[in-house]
Amino acid sequence: MLDDEYFMRQALQEAHKAFDMGEVPVGAVVVSNQRIIARAHNLTETLTDVTAHAEMQAITAAANVLGGKYLTDCTLYVTVEPCPMCAGALRWSQITRIVYGASDEKRGYSCISSHLVHPKTSVTAGIMSEDCADLMKLFFTRIR
């Protein structure tokens, strides 16, 4: 049985892809029945689209795999706490579980309200948080 750390490592691989492209290094994977059904990373610069966050890309890809808009019985692993926009989209998707690495004290959804996600969605924070935060710090150190 694969664990949260294994899947967060997969999300980190996606974050490194974003980093290499000059995108803010956030990566995500969606898991259903212990199988990754979607992989994504930030594409906001590449697509010139402020909504092209890793989570949004992952939601769309997973919905396409499942053939429907709801991600019940799925878990999203994302390297950084989702923003309010992504938390809202995850709420609409009715995802069962969200697991994130690093907290985002300035732009994370919990800055506004922990109730932005669906009431039935469980949230686990801090999985590999140092690795996730270190990648973000490295990115912003390089661009400043």
Protein backbone atom coordinates (compact mmCIF):
# COMPACT_ATOMS: atom_id res chain seq x y z
CA MET A 1 0.00 0.00 0.00
CA LEU A 2 1.44 3.36 -1.06
CA ASP A 3 1.43 6.14 1.52
CA ASP A 4 1.05 9.92 1.62
CA GLU A 5 4.80 10.48 1.37
CA TYR A 6 5.02 8.39 -1.82
CA PHE A 7 2.28 10.40 -3.53
CA MET A 8 3.69 13.73 -2.27
CA ARG A 9 7.01 12.76 -3.88
CA GLN A 10 5.10 12.37 -7.14
CA ALA A 11 3.59 15.83 -6.69
CA LEU A 12 7.09 17.19 -6.00
CA GLN A 13 8.25 15.73 -9.32
CA GLU A 14 5.54 17.82 -10.97
CA ALA A 15 6.64 20.88 -8.99
CA HIS A 16 10.19 20.41 -10.29
CA LYS A 17 8.82 20.39 -13.85
CA ALA A 18 7.17 23.75 -13.16
CA PHE A 19 10.42 25.05 -11.64
CA ASP A 20 12.37 24.02 -14.75
CA MET A 21 9.85 25.90 -16.92
CA GLY A 22 10.11 29.10 -14.88
CA GLU A 23 6.68 28.54 -13.34
CA VAL A 24 5.98 28.87 -9.63
CA PRO A 25 6.90 25.32 -8.52
CA VAL A 26 3.63 23.80 -7.42
CA GLY A 27 2.82 20.24 -8.40
CA ALA A 28 -0.21 18.03 -7.88
CA VAL A 29 -1.43 14.50 -8.40
CA VAL A 30 -4.90 13.03 -8.03
CA VAL A 31 -5.13 9.50 -6.70
CA SER A 32 -8.04 7.07 -6.98
CA ASN A 33 -7.83 3.53 -5.59
CA GLN A 34 -4.09 3.87 -4.91
CA ARG A 35 -3.47 4.83 -8.56
CA ILE A 36 -2.44 8.22 -9.92
CA ILE A 37 -5.09 9.29 -12.42
CA ALA A 38 -3.84 12.85 -13.00
CA ARG A 39 -0.54 14.74 -12.79
CA ALA A 40 -0.21 18.49 -13.12
CA HIS A 41 1.90 21.53 -12.34
CA ASN A 42 1.49 25.27 -12.56
CA LEU A 43 1.13 26.58 -16.10
CA THR A 44 0.08 30.17 -15.47
CA GLU A 45 3.04 31.71 -17.32
CA THR A 46 3.06 29.16 -20.14
CA LEU A 47 -0.67 29.53 -20.83
CA THR A 48 -0.86 33.20 -19.77
CA ASP A 49 -3.80 32.15 -17.64
CA VAL A 50 -4.06 33.12 -13.97
CA THR A 51 -6.35 30.14 -13.36
CA ALA A 52 -3.85 27.54 -14.62
CA HIS A 53 -2.79 26.48 -11.14
CA ALA A 54 -1.58 22.91 -10.60
CA GLU A 55 -4.76 22.01 -8.72
CA MET A 56 -7.03 23.33 -11.47
CA GLN A 57 -5.09 21.41 -14.10
CA ALA A 58 -5.26 18.25 -11.95
CA ILE A 59 -9.00 18.58 -11.34
CA THR A 60 -9.68 18.86 -15.07
CA ALA A 61 -7.40 15.95 -15.96
CA ALA A 62 -8.88 13.69 -13.27
CA ALA A 63 -12.45 14.54 -14.26
CA ASN A 64 -11.60 13.61 -17.85
CA VAL A 65 -10.18 10.25 -16.73
CA LEU A 66 -13.22 9.50 -14.57
CA GLY A 67 -15.72 10.75 -17.12
CA GLY A 68 -17.52 13.04 -14.70
CA LYS A 69 -17.11 16.25 -12.76
CA TYR A 70 -17.02 14.83 -9.24
CA LEU A 71 -13.84 13.51 -7.65
CA THR A 72 -15.45 11.56 -4.85
CA ASP A 73 -13.22 8.77 -3.58
CA CYS A 74 -10.15 10.71 -4.81
CA THR A 75 -7.27 12.38 -3.01
CA LEU A 76 -5.40 15.44 -4.25
CA TYR A 77 -1.74 15.68 -3.25
CA VAL A 78 -0.36 19.18 -3.77
CA THR A 79 2.97 20.61 -2.72
CA VAL A 80 1.59 23.93 -1.41
CA GLU A 81 -1.66 24.76 0.37
CA PRO A 82 -4.34 25.55 -2.23
CA CYS A 83 -5.36 29.18 -2.75
CA PRO A 84 -9.00 30.22 -2.24
CA MET A 85 -9.77 29.80 -5.97
CA CYS A 86 -8.45 26.24 -5.99
CA ALA A 87 -10.13 25.42 -2.66
CA GLY A 88 -13.43 26.56 -4.18
CA ALA A 89 -12.92 24.39 -7.26
CA LEU A 90 -11.99 21.45 -5.03
CA ARG A 91 -15.17 22.07 -3.04
CA TRP A 92 -17.24 21.90 -6.23
CA SER A 93 -15.45 18.69 -7.25
CA GLN A 94 -16.45 17.12 -3.92
CA ILE A 95 -12.98 15.60 -3.58
CA THR A 96 -12.75 13.27 -0.61
CA ARG A 97 -9.33 14.29 0.65
CA ILE A 98 -6.70 17.00 0.18
CA VAL A 99 -3.10 16.46 1.27
CA TYR A 100 -0.68 19.36 1.02
CA GLY A 101 2.95 19.92 1.88
CA ALA A 102 3.87 23.53 2.67
CA SER A 103 1.43 26.01 4.16
CA ASP A 104 0.93 29.31 2.35
CA GLU A 105 0.59 31.93 5.06
CA LYS A 106 -0.11 34.75 2.58
CA ARG A 107 -2.29 33.17 -0.12
CA GLY A 108 -3.52 29.84 1.23
CA TYR A 109 -7.24 29.23 1.55
CA SER A 110 -7.02 28.87 5.33
CA CYS A 111 -6.09 32.57 5.54
CA ILE A 112 -9.68 33.30 4.58
CA SER A 113 -11.53 30.31 6.00
CA SER A 114 -10.97 26.61 6.51
CA HIS A 115 -14.59 26.20 5.38
CA LEU A 116 -13.79 26.89 1.71
CA VAL A 117 -13.35 23.17 1.07
CA HIS A 118 -16.32 20.80 1.05
CA PRO A 119 -17.50 19.87 4.56
CA LYS A 120 -16.95 16.16 3.81
CA THR A 121 -13.41 16.72 2.54
CA SER A 122 -10.66 15.77 4.96
CA VAL A 123 -7.46 17.80 4.86
CA THR A 124 -3.99 16.66 5.87
CA ALA A 125 -1.27 19.31 6.02
CA GLY A 126 2.49 19.19 6.37
CA ILE A 127 3.44 16.06 4.41
CA MET A 128 7.07 16.64 3.33
CA SER A 129 6.54 20.32 4.14
CA GLU A 130 10.25 21.16 4.30
CA ASP A 131 10.97 19.73 0.84
CA CYS A 132 7.98 21.56 -0.61
CA ALA A 133 8.82 24.86 1.10
CA ASP A 134 12.51 24.63 0.16
CA LEU A 135 11.66 24.37 -3.55
CA MET A 136 9.43 27.46 -3.32
CA LYS A 137 12.13 29.40 -1.44
CA LEU A 138 14.75 28.44 -4.04
CA PHE A 139 12.47 29.58 -6.86
CA PHE A 140 11.74 32.97 -5.35
CA THR A 141 15.38 33.50 -4.35
CA ARG A 142 16.38 32.98 -7.99
CA ILE A 143 13.85 35.39 -9.46
CA ARG A 144 14.44 38.22 -6.98
